[in-house]
Amino acid sequence: MTTPGLYQVANANPDTTALFLISLIALLFNVGVFGYMIYKVIKTKRNPYTAELYTDLKLYKEVKALAE
């Protein structure tokens, strides 16, 4: 038998629908990023482990200029 605590808890179970939707959105976004990375690997014919992939992007050039 349990005794009531100091604080009332209406429901200890989370809303699984909301958690599932957030997880699904994150998964789809990550699949999209992975697909873009594969596209860049094929287009630039670079190995992402040995060379930079995104050297042709405007923001990459701006950051590199700031670093110099």
PDB file of N, CA and C in Angstrom:
ATOM      1  N   MET A   1       0.837  -1.170   0.000  1.00  0.00           N
ATOM      2  CA  MET A   1       0.000   0.000   0.000  1.00  0.00           C
ATOM      3  C   MET A   1       0.888   1.241   0.000  1.00  0.00           C
ATOM      4  N   THR A   2       0.534   2.196  -0.817  1.00  0.00           N
ATOM      5  CA  THR A   2       1.322   3.423  -0.888  1.00  0.00           C
ATOM      6  C   THR A   2       0.586   4.549  -0.191  1.00  0.00           C
ATOM      7  N   THR A   3       1.365   5.421   0.339  1.00  0.00           N
ATOM      8  CA  THR A   3       0.770   6.592   0.988  1.00  0.00           C
ATOM      9  C   THR A   3       0.950   7.788   0.073  1.00  0.00           C
ATOM     10  N   PRO A   4       0.024   8.706   0.076  1.00  0.00           N
ATOM     11  CA  PRO A   4       0.163   9.877  -0.790  1.00  0.00           C
ATOM     12  C   PRO A   4       1.355  10.725  -0.355  1.00  0.00           C
ATOM     13  N   GLY A   5       2.085  11.227  -1.340  1.00  0.00           N
ATOM     14  CA  GLY A   5       3.259  12.034  -1.052  1.00  0.00           C
ATOM     15  C   GLY A   5       2.899  13.498  -0.865  1.00  0.00           C
ATOM     16  N   LEU A   6       3.919  14.283  -0.777  1.00  0.00           N
ATOM     17  CA  LEU A   6       3.754  15.713  -0.582  1.00  0.00           C
ATOM     18  C   LEU A   6       3.180  16.377  -1.834  1.00  0.00           C
ATOM     19  N   TYR A   7       3.588  15.887  -3.003  1.00  0.00           N
ATOM     20  CA  TYR A   7       3.138  16.483  -4.264  1.00  0.00           C
ATOM     21  C   TYR A   7       2.230  15.509  -5.000  1.00  0.00           C
ATOM     22  N   GLN A   8       1.175  16.016  -5.551  1.00  0.00           N
ATOM     23  CA  GLN A   8       0.249  15.208  -6.332  1.00  0.00           C
ATOM     24  C   GLN A   8       0.791  15.050  -7.754  1.00  0.00           C
ATOM     25  N   VAL A   9       0.781  13.842  -8.265  1.00  0.00           N
ATOM     26  CA  VAL A   9       1.200  13.576  -9.635  1.00  0.00           C
ATOM     27  C   VAL A   9      -0.024  13.117 -10.397  1.00  0.00           C
ATOM     28  N   ALA A  10      -0.421  13.887 -11.399  1.00  0.00           N
ATOM     29  CA  ALA A  10      -1.621  13.553 -12.155  1.00  0.00           C
ATOM     30  C   ALA A  10      -1.395  12.306 -13.012  1.00  0.00           C
ATOM     31  N   ASN A  11      -0.272  12.274 -13.724  1.00  0.00           N
ATOM     32  CA  ASN A  11       0.000  11.149 -14.603  1.00  0.00           C
ATOM     33  C   ASN A  11       1.514  11.042 -14.775  1.00  0.00           C
ATOM     34  N   ALA A  12       2.065   9.910 -14.456  1.00  0.00           N
ATOM     35  CA  ALA A  12       3.510   9.727 -14.554  1.00  0.00           C
ATOM     36  C   ALA A  12       3.943   9.248 -15.935  1.00  0.00           C
ATOM     37  N   ASN A  13       3.008   8.933 -16.816  1.00  0.00           N
ATOM     38  CA  ASN A  13       3.337   8.450 -18.150  1.00  0.00           C
ATOM     39  C   ASN A  13       3.450   9.623 -19.117  1.00  0.00           C
ATOM     40  N   PRO A  14       4.576   9.725 -19.852  1.00  0.00           N
ATOM     41  CA  PRO A  14       4.717  10.825 -20.812  1.00  0.00           C
ATOM     42  C   PRO A  14       3.826  10.614 -22.031  1.00  0.00           C
ATOM     43  N   ASP A  15       3.600  11.683 -22.765  1.00  0.00           N
ATOM     44  CA  ASP A  15       2.825  11.612 -24.002  1.00  0.00           C
ATOM     45  C   ASP A  15       3.721  11.007 -25.084  1.00  0.00           C
ATOM     46  N   THR A  16       3.526   9.744 -25.381  1.00  0.00           N
ATOM     47  CA  THR A  16       4.412   9.056 -26.320  1.00  0.00           C
ATOM     48  C   THR A  16       4.220   9.537 -27.753  1.00  0.00           C
ATOM     49  N   THR A  17       3.066  10.072 -28.099  1.00  0.00           N
ATOM     50  CA  THR A  17       2.848  10.569 -29.455  1.00  0.00           C
ATOM     51  C   THR A  17       3.765  11.751 -29.741  1.00  0.00           C
ATOM     52  N   ALA A  18       3.846  12.684 -28.813  1.00  0.00           N
ATOM     53  CA  ALA A  18       4.712  13.847 -29.002  1.00  0.00           C
ATOM     54  C   ALA A  18       6.176  13.421 -29.067  1.00  0.00           C
ATOM     55  N   LEU A  19       6.587  12.510 -28.206  1.00  0.00           N
ATOM     56  CA  LEU A  19       7.971  12.032 -28.221  1.00  0.00           C
ATOM     57  C   LEU A  19       8.294  11.316 -29.534  1.00  0.00           C
ATOM     58  N   PHE A  20       7.344  10.537 -30.036  1.00  0.00           N
ATOM     59  CA  PHE A  20       7.541   9.835 -31.300  1.00  0.00           C
ATOM     60  C   PHE A  20       7.685  10.821 -32.454  1.00  0.00           C
ATOM     61  N   LEU A  21       6.850  11.850 -32.486  1.00  0.00           N
ATOM     62  CA  LEU A  21       6.916  12.825 -33.574  1.00  0.00           C
ATOM     63  C   LEU A  21       8.242  13.582 -33.571  1.00  0.00           C
ATOM     64  N   ILE A  22       8.703  13.979 -32.405  1.00  0.00           N
ATOM     65  CA  ILE A  22       9.991  14.673 -32.318  1.00  0.00           C
ATOM     66  C   ILE A  22      11.119  13.744 -32.769  1.00  0.00           C
ATOM     67  N   SER A  23      11.068  12.495 -32.350  1.00  0.00           N
ATOM     68  CA  SER A  23      12.093  11.525 -32.749  1.00  0.00           C
ATOM     69  C   SER A  23      12.058  11.275 -34.254  1.00  0.00           C
ATOM     70  N   LEU A  24      10.866  11.191 -34.823  1.00  0.00           N
ATOM     71  CA  LEU A  24      10.722  10.970 -36.262  1.00  0.00           C
ATOM     72  C   LEU A  24      11.269  12.155 -37.051  1.00  0.00           C
ATOM     73  N   ILE A  25      10.971  13.365 -36.606  1.00  0.00           N
ATOM     74  CA  ILE A  25      11.488  14.563 -37.279  1.00  0.00           C
ATOM     75  C   ILE A  25      13.012  14.583 -37.223  1.00  0.00           C
ATOM     76  N   ALA A  26      13.584  14.258 -36.070  1.00  0.00           N
ATOM     77  CA  ALA A  26      15.041  14.231 -35.929  1.00  0.00           C
ATOM     78  C   ALA A  26      15.660  13.165 -36.834  1.00  0.00           C
ATOM     79  N   LEU A  27      15.040  12.000 -36.893  1.00  0.00           N
ATOM     80  CA  LEU A  27      15.552  10.926 -37.740  1.00  0.00           C
ATOM     81  C   LEU A  27      15.518  11.325 -39.212  1.00  0.00           C
ATOM     82  N   LEU A  28      14.401  11.895 -39.662  1.00  0.00           N
ATOM     83  CA  LEU A  28      14.283  12.310 -41.059  1.00  0.00           C
ATOM     84  C   LEU A  28      15.294  13.401 -41.403  1.00  0.00           C
ATOM     85  N   PHE A  29      15.498  14.329 -40.491  1.00  0.00           N
ATOM     86  CA  PHE A  29      16.485  15.383 -40.718  1.00  0.00           C
ATOM     87  C   PHE A  29      17.888  14.791 -40.833  1.00  0.00           C
ATOM     88  N   ASN A  30      18.223  13.847 -39.963  1.00  0.00           N
ATOM     89  CA  ASN A  30      19.543  13.210 -40.007  1.00  0.00           C
ATOM     90  C   ASN A  30      19.739  12.399 -41.281  1.00  0.00           C
ATOM     91  N   VAL A  31      18.690  11.746 -41.759  1.00  0.00           N
ATOM     92  CA  VAL A  31      18.774  11.013 -43.026  1.00  0.00           C
ATOM     93  C   VAL A  31      19.025  11.996 -44.167  1.00  0.00           C
ATOM     94  N   GLY A  32      18.375  13.156 -44.118  1.00  0.00           N
ATOM     95  CA  GLY A  32      18.597  14.183 -45.133  1.00  0.00           C
ATOM     96  C   GLY A  32      20.024  14.708 -45.126  1.00  0.00           C
ATOM     97  N   VAL A  33      20.566  14.948 -43.949  1.00  0.00           N
ATOM     98  CA  VAL A  33      21.954  15.418 -43.835  1.00  0.00           C
ATOM     99  C   VAL A  33      22.916  14.354 -44.354  1.00  0.00           C
ATOM    100  N   PHE A  34      22.655  13.102 -44.025  1.00  0.00           N
ATOM    101  CA  PHE A  34      23.501  12.016 -44.518  1.00  0.00           C
ATOM    102  C   PHE A  34      23.428  11.924 -46.043  1.00  0.00           C
ATOM    103  N   GLY A  35      22.220  12.065 -46.592  1.00  0.00           N
ATOM    104  CA  GLY A  35      22.060  12.043 -48.047  1.00  0.00           C
ATOM    105  C   GLY A  35      22.818  13.177 -48.720  1.00  0.00           C
ATOM    106  N   TYR A  36      22.774  14.373 -48.112  1.00  0.00           N
ATOM    107  CA  TYR A  36      23.508  15.515 -48.664  1.00  0.00           C
ATOM    108  C   TYR A  36      25.013  15.260 -48.611  1.00  0.00           C
ATOM    109  N   MET A  37      25.467  14.642 -47.541  1.00  0.00           N
ATOM    110  CA  MET A  37      26.888  14.338 -47.419  1.00  0.00           C
ATOM    111  C   MET A  37      27.320  13.340 -48.499  1.00  0.00           C
ATOM    112  N   ILE A  38      26.515  12.319 -48.731  1.00  0.00           N
ATOM    113  CA  ILE A  38      26.823  11.338 -49.778  1.00  0.00           C
ATOM    114  C   ILE A  38      26.838  12.021 -51.149  1.00  0.00           C
ATOM    115  N   TYR A  39      25.878  12.920 -51.380  1.00  0.00           N
ATOM    116  CA  TYR A  39      25.832  13.673 -52.636  1.00  0.00           C
ATOM    117  C   TYR A  39      27.127  14.464 -52.836  1.00  0.00           C
ATOM    118  N   LYS A  40      27.602  15.135 -51.780  1.00  0.00           N
ATOM    119  CA  LYS A  40      28.824  15.932 -51.881  1.00  0.00           C
ATOM    120  C   LYS A  40      30.048  15.042 -52.098  1.00  0.00           C
ATOM    121  N   VAL A  41      30.074  13.872 -51.474  1.00  0.00           N
ATOM    122  CA  VAL A  41      31.195  12.941 -51.666  1.00  0.00           C
ATOM    123  C   VAL A  41      31.262  12.503 -53.124  1.00  0.00           C
ATOM    124  N   ILE A  42      30.121  12.174 -53.700  1.00  0.00           N
ATOM    125  CA  ILE A  42      30.094  11.724 -55.094  1.00  0.00           C
ATOM    126  C   ILE A  42      30.417  12.878 -56.040  1.00  0.00           C
ATOM    127  N   LYS A  43      29.861  14.053 -55.768  1.00  0.00           N
ATOM    128  CA  LYS A  43      30.057  15.204 -56.649  1.00  0.00           C
ATOM    129  C   LYS A  43      31.507  15.685 -56.641  1.00  0.00           C
ATOM    130  N   THR A  44      32.108  15.785 -55.459  1.00  0.00           N
ATOM    131  CA  THR A  44      33.468  16.323 -55.364  1.00  0.00           C
ATOM    132  C   THR A  44      34.544  15.247 -55.433  1.00  0.00           C
ATOM    133  N   LYS A  45      34.141  13.975 -55.349  1.00  0.00           N
ATOM    134  CA  LYS A  45      35.072  12.842 -55.380  1.00  0.00           C
ATOM    135  C   LYS A  45      36.156  12.985 -54.317  1.00  0.00           C
ATOM    136  N   ARG A  46      35.722  13.339 -53.110  1.00  0.00           N
ATOM    137  CA  ARG A  46      36.651  13.495 -51.989  1.00  0.00           C
ATOM    138  C   ARG A  46      36.324  12.488 -50.901  1.00  0.00           C
ATOM    139  N   ASN A  47      37.349  12.104 -50.182  1.00  0.00           N
ATOM    140  CA  ASN A  47      37.168  11.235 -49.034  1.00  0.00           C
ATOM    141  C   ASN A  47      36.940  12.132 -47.816  1.00  0.00           C
ATOM    142  N   PRO A  48      35.799  12.024 -47.140  1.00  0.00           N
ATOM    143  CA  PRO A  48      35.529  12.917 -46.013  1.00  0.00           C
ATOM    144  C   PRO A  48      36.463  12.699 -44.826  1.00  0.00           C
ATOM    145  N   TYR A  49      37.167  11.592 -44.789  1.00  0.00           N
ATOM    146  CA  TYR A  49      38.094  11.329 -43.692  1.00  0.00           C
ATOM    147  C   TYR A  49      39.471  11.949 -43.937  1.00  0.00           C
ATOM    148  N   THR A  50      39.786  12.247 -45.193  1.00  0.00           N
ATOM    149  CA  THR A  50      41.111  12.782 -45.497  1.00  0.00           C
ATOM    150  C   THR A  50      41.086  14.198 -46.051  1.00  0.00           C
ATOM    151  N   ALA A  51      39.936  14.689 -46.491  1.00  0.00           N
ATOM    152  CA  ALA A  51      39.858  16.026 -47.085  1.00  0.00           C
ATOM    153  C   ALA A  51      38.538  16.684 -46.696  1.00  0.00           C
ATOM    154  N   GLU A  52      38.523  18.005 -46.781  1.00  0.00           N
ATOM    155  CA  GLU A  52      37.298  18.755 -46.497  1.00  0.00           C
ATOM    156  C   GLU A  52      36.294  18.546 -47.629  1.00  0.00           C
ATOM    157  N   LEU A  53      35.022  18.419 -47.278  1.00  0.00           N
ATOM    158  CA  LEU A  53      33.980  18.214 -48.282  1.00  0.00           C
ATOM    159  C   LEU A  53      33.376  19.515 -48.787  1.00  0.00           C
ATOM    160  N   TYR A  54      33.260  20.488 -47.938  1.00  0.00           N
ATOM    161  CA  TYR A  54      32.433  21.656 -48.237  1.00  0.00           C
ATOM    162  C   TYR A  54      33.264  22.885 -48.581  1.00  0.00           C
ATOM    163  N   THR A  55      34.371  22.709 -49.275  1.00  0.00           N
ATOM    164  CA  THR A  55      35.251  23.834 -49.591  1.00  0.00           C
ATOM    165  C   THR A  55      34.650  24.777 -50.624  1.00  0.00           C
ATOM    166  N   ASP A  56      33.649  24.351 -51.361  1.00  0.00           N
ATOM    167  CA  ASP A  56      33.045  25.202 -52.382  1.00  0.00           C
ATOM    168  C   ASP A  56      31.925  26.091 -51.835  1.00  0.00           C
ATOM    169  N   LEU A  57      31.550  25.928 -50.584  1.00  0.00           N
ATOM    170  CA  LEU A  57      30.466  26.725 -50.009  1.00  0.00           C
ATOM    171  C   LEU A  57      30.948  28.115 -49.624  1.00  0.00           C
ATOM    172  N   LYS A  58      30.064  29.086 -49.758  1.00  0.00           N
ATOM    173  CA  LYS A  58      30.382  30.480 -49.446  1.00  0.00           C
ATOM    174  C   LYS A  58      30.770  30.648 -47.975  1.00  0.00           C
ATOM    175  N   LEU A  59      30.019  30.030 -47.082  1.00  0.00           N
ATOM    176  CA  LEU A  59      30.310  30.164 -45.653  1.00  0.00           C
ATOM    177  C   LEU A  59      31.649  29.535 -45.278  1.00  0.00           C
ATOM    178  N   TYR A  60      32.013  28.459 -45.933  1.00  0.00           N
ATOM    179  CA  TYR A  60      33.320  27.838 -45.677  1.00  0.00           C
ATOM    180  C   TYR A  60      34.439  28.815 -46.021  1.00  0.00           C
ATOM    181  N   LYS A  61      34.289  29.479 -47.161  1.00  0.00           N
ATOM    182  CA  LYS A  61      35.311  30.435 -47.587  1.00  0.00           C
ATOM    183  C   LYS A  61      35.394  31.619 -46.627  1.00  0.00           C
ATOM    184  N   GLU A  62      34.250  32.076 -46.121  1.00  0.00           N
ATOM    185  CA  GLU A  62      34.241  33.191 -45.165  1.00  0.00           C
ATOM    186  C   GLU A  62      34.947  32.810 -43.863  1.00  0.00           C
ATOM    187  N   VAL A  63      34.644  31.639 -43.353  1.00  0.00           N
ATOM    188  CA  VAL A  63      35.262  31.193 -42.101  1.00  0.00           C
ATOM    189  C   VAL A  63      36.761  30.978 -42.294  1.00  0.00           C
ATOM    190  N   LYS A  64      37.140  30.415 -43.422  1.00  0.00           N
ATOM    191  CA  LYS A  64      38.565  30.202 -43.684  1.00  0.00           C
ATOM    192  C   LYS A  64      39.303  31.534 -43.791  1.00  0.00           C
ATOM    193  N   ALA A  65      38.663  32.535 -44.389  1.00  0.00           N
ATOM    194  CA  ALA A  65      39.283  33.859 -44.489  1.00  0.00           C
ATOM    195  C   ALA A  65      39.446  34.485 -43.110  1.00  0.00           C
ATOM    196  N   LEU A  66      38.499  34.261 -42.222  1.00  0.00           N
ATOM    197  CA  LEU A  66      38.601  34.787 -40.863  1.00  0.00           C
ATOM    198  C   LEU A  66      39.724  34.103 -40.083  1.00  0.00           C
ATOM    199  N   ALA A  67      39.974  32.849 -40.380  1.00  0.00           N
ATOM    200  CA  ALA A  67      40.994  32.096 -39.653  1.00  0.00           C
ATOM    201  C   ALA A  67      42.408  32.501 -40.063  1.00  0.00           C
ATOM    202  N   GLU A  68      42.536  33.073 -41.229  1.00  0.00           N
ATOM    203  CA  GLU A  68      43.880  33.438 -41.719  1.00  0.00           C
ATOM    204  C   GLU A  68      44.325  34.782 -41.224  1.00  0.00           C
TER     205      GLU A  68
END
